[in-house]
N, C-alpha and C. Protein backbone atom coordinates (compact mmCIF):
# COMPACT_ATOMS: atom_id res chain seq x y z
N MET A 1 111.70 112.65 107.23
CA MET A 1 111.13 113.84 107.76
C MET A 1 109.40 113.86 107.12
N ILE A 2 108.47 114.04 107.83
CA ILE A 2 107.18 114.21 107.32
C ILE A 2 106.65 115.67 107.78
N LYS A 3 105.41 115.84 106.53
CA LYS A 3 104.86 117.17 107.50
C LYS A 3 103.49 116.82 108.27
N LEU A 4 103.59 116.94 109.29
CA LEU A 4 103.18 116.71 110.29
C LEU A 4 101.83 118.06 110.71
N TYR A 5 100.45 117.88 110.67
CA TYR A 5 99.69 118.80 110.87
C TYR A 5 99.21 119.07 112.34
N SER A 6 99.34 120.14 112.77
CA SER A 6 98.90 120.37 114.03
C SER A 6 97.38 119.73 114.67
N ALA A 7 96.74 119.34 113.77
CA ALA A 7 95.41 118.75 114.32
C ALA A 7 95.59 117.41 114.83
N HIS A 8 94.84 117.08 115.68
CA HIS A 8 95.20 115.40 116.18
C HIS A 8 94.23 115.04 116.88
N LEU A 9 93.47 113.77 116.87
CA LEU A 9 92.50 113.46 117.84
C LEU A 9 92.83 112.49 118.82
N THR A 10 92.45 112.59 120.19
CA THR A 10 92.62 111.70 121.10
C THR A 10 90.98 111.51 121.58
N ASN A 11 91.01 110.08 122.32
CA ASN A 11 89.99 109.70 122.74
C ASN A 11 88.79 108.93 121.84
N CYS A 12 89.30 108.65 120.68
CA CYS A 12 88.48 108.15 119.69
C CYS A 12 88.23 106.33 119.82
N ASP A 13 87.14 106.28 120.17
CA ASP A 13 86.58 104.80 120.14
C ASP A 13 86.82 103.86 119.21
N ASN A 14 87.36 104.52 118.03
CA ASN A 14 87.59 103.44 116.72
C ASN A 14 88.18 104.59 115.49
N ASP A 15 88.77 103.82 114.44
CA ASP A 15 89.44 104.62 113.37
C ASP A 15 88.11 105.27 112.58
N ASN A 16 86.95 104.71 112.74
CA ASN A 16 86.07 105.61 111.90
C ASN A 16 85.67 106.97 112.26
N GLU A 17 86.00 107.31 113.24
CA GLU A 17 86.00 108.51 114.00
C GLU A 17 87.01 109.57 113.52
N ALA A 18 88.13 108.90 113.44
CA ALA A 18 89.22 110.01 112.51
C ALA A 18 89.21 109.86 111.29
N ILE A 19 88.69 108.77 110.81
CA ILE A 19 88.42 108.52 108.97
C ILE A 19 87.30 109.84 108.92
N GLU A 20 86.40 109.81 109.66
CA GLU A 20 85.38 111.13 109.16
C GLU A 20 85.66 112.45 109.64
N TYR A 21 86.66 112.55 110.71
CA TYR A 21 87.26 113.77 110.54
C TYR A 21 88.47 114.16 109.34
N LEU A 22 89.28 113.36 109.24
CA LEU A 22 90.12 113.30 108.12
C LEU A 22 89.67 113.75 106.55
N LYS A 23 88.09 113.36 106.48
CA LYS A 23 87.51 113.70 105.52
C LYS A 23 86.56 115.17 105.44
N GLY A 24 86.61 115.02 106.57
CA GLY A 24 85.67 116.57 107.06
C GLY A 24 86.69 117.68 107.06
N MET A 25 88.13 117.68 107.31
CA MET A 25 88.82 118.90 107.63
C MET A 25 89.17 119.64 106.12
N VAL A 26 88.98 121.21 106.64
CA VAL A 26 89.89 121.68 105.44
C VAL A 26 91.45 121.75 105.71
N TRP A 27 92.36 121.04 105.35
CA TRP A 27 93.78 120.76 105.87
C TRP A 27 94.69 121.97 105.39
N CYS A 28 94.08 122.56 104.22
CA CYS A 28 94.91 124.05 103.57
C CYS A 28 94.83 125.15 104.68
N GLU A 29 94.15 124.88 105.38
CA GLU A 29 93.97 125.92 106.73
C GLU A 29 94.58 125.54 107.99
N CYS A 30 94.98 124.59 108.08
CA CYS A 30 95.85 123.84 109.02
C CYS A 30 97.18 123.87 109.05
N GLU A 31 98.02 124.07 110.13
CA GLU A 31 99.40 124.53 110.22
C GLU A 31 99.91 123.27 110.31
N HIS A 32 101.36 122.94 110.19
CA HIS A 32 102.34 121.70 110.32
C HIS A 32 103.49 121.96 110.41
N VAL A 33 104.26 120.88 111.00
CA VAL A 33 105.42 121.05 111.44
C VAL A 33 106.29 120.00 110.75
N VAL A 34 107.41 120.10 110.29
CA VAL A 34 108.35 119.16 109.35
C VAL A 34 108.68 118.50 110.93
N THR A 35 108.80 117.24 110.94
CA THR A 35 109.70 116.39 112.01
C THR A 35 109.88 115.08 111.43
N ASP A 36 109.98 113.99 112.57
CA ASP A 36 110.15 112.54 112.24
C ASP A 36 108.93 111.81 112.12
N GLN A 37 108.59 110.80 111.72
CA GLN A 37 107.47 109.77 111.91
C GLN A 37 107.61 109.58 113.55
N PRO A 38 106.35 109.35 113.92
CA PRO A 38 106.67 108.94 115.39
C PRO A 38 106.65 107.26 115.37
N LYS A 39 107.43 106.71 116.00
CA LYS A 39 107.76 105.45 116.25
C LYS A 39 106.66 104.42 116.13
N TYR A 40 105.57 104.48 116.95
CA TYR A 40 104.77 103.50 117.34
C TYR A 40 102.94 103.93 116.50
N SER A 41 103.39 103.62 115.73
CA SER A 41 101.92 104.11 114.64
C SER A 41 102.01 103.12 113.52
N ARG A 42 100.18 103.44 112.83
CA ARG A 42 100.06 102.28 112.11
C ARG A 42 99.37 103.35 111.10
N PHE A 43 99.33 102.99 109.92
CA PHE A 43 98.38 103.70 109.08
C PHE A 43 97.11 103.34 109.06
N VAL A 44 96.19 104.44 108.46
CA VAL A 44 94.96 104.08 108.73
C VAL A 44 94.17 104.42 107.73
N GLU A 45 94.29 105.65 106.74
CA GLU A 45 93.56 105.63 105.76
C GLU A 45 94.15 106.92 105.03
N SER A 46 93.75 107.40 103.68
CA SER A 46 94.44 108.29 103.16
C SER A 46 93.37 108.99 102.38
N TYR A 47 93.41 110.58 102.01
CA TYR A 47 92.01 111.37 101.51
C TYR A 47 92.65 112.42 101.46
N GLU A 48 92.87 112.33 99.81
CA GLU A 48 93.23 113.79 99.00
C GLU A 48 94.32 114.42 99.56
N GLY A 49 95.33 113.69 99.66
CA GLY A 49 96.61 114.16 99.87
C GLY A 49 97.19 114.38 101.52
N VAL A 50 96.25 113.67 102.31
CA VAL A 50 96.30 113.28 103.82
C VAL A 50 96.32 112.18 104.22
N ASP A 51 97.70 111.75 104.65
CA ASP A 51 97.16 110.44 105.51
C ASP A 51 96.70 110.50 106.90
N CYS A 52 96.27 109.56 107.52
CA CYS A 52 95.87 109.55 108.94
C CYS A 52 96.95 108.40 109.44
N TYR A 53 97.11 108.46 110.53
CA TYR A 53 97.95 107.47 111.34
C TYR A 53 97.12 107.15 112.67
N TYR A 54 97.15 105.91 113.22
CA TYR A 54 97.20 105.89 114.89
C TYR A 54 98.35 105.69 115.50
N ASP A 55 98.72 106.50 116.49
CA ASP A 55 100.00 106.03 117.27
C ASP A 55 99.64 105.65 118.40
N TYR A 56 99.79 104.19 118.71
CA TYR A 56 99.57 103.49 119.98
C TYR A 56 100.10 103.62 121.00
N GLY A 57 101.54 104.42 120.75
CA GLY A 57 102.64 104.79 121.96
C GLY A 57 101.72 105.88 122.76
N SER A 58 101.23 106.99 122.05
CA SER A 58 100.57 108.04 123.01
C SER A 58 98.92 107.87 122.80
N ASP A 59 98.40 107.10 122.16
CA ASP A 59 97.27 106.96 121.84
C ASP A 59 96.57 108.30 121.25
N LEU A 60 96.60 108.50 120.31
CA LEU A 60 96.04 109.65 119.31
C LEU A 60 96.11 109.22 117.99
N TYR A 61 95.22 109.92 116.99
CA TYR A 61 95.06 109.97 115.70
C TYR A 61 96.17 111.34 115.09
N TYR A 62 96.78 111.27 114.19
CA TYR A 62 97.64 112.03 113.91
C TYR A 62 97.67 112.18 112.14
N PHE A 63 97.88 113.53 111.52
CA PHE A 63 97.59 113.67 110.16
C PHE A 63 99.06 114.19 109.40
N VAL A 64 98.82 113.56 108.27
CA VAL A 64 100.35 114.10 107.40
C VAL A 64 100.27 114.12 105.95
N GLU A 65 100.63 115.17 105.78
CA GLU A 65 100.68 115.72 104.08
C GLU A 65 101.32 114.60 103.50
N VAL A 66 100.81 114.09 102.54
CA VAL A 66 101.54 113.14 101.57
C VAL A 66 102.48 113.99 100.97
N SER A 67 103.85 112.97 100.85
CA SER A 67 105.06 113.89 99.94
C SER A 67 104.84 113.21 98.47
N GLU A 68 105.25 114.10 97.66
CA GLU A 68 105.42 113.41 96.22
C GLU A 68 106.40 112.51 96.19
């Protein structure tokens, strides 16, 4: 189970756009849900306790709170 933030990105041209969003977002103000890790995804970047993944099944970037 992961803490998946409600914020996600679609229609990005490359990982760099998602990384900029990851580093610019105020994550403590964003809601999240506890769910299973999406099946078709790859890790992109981690920044200050938040991981970014690309879900190639749905063609979107999503963000997860890093668990201790």
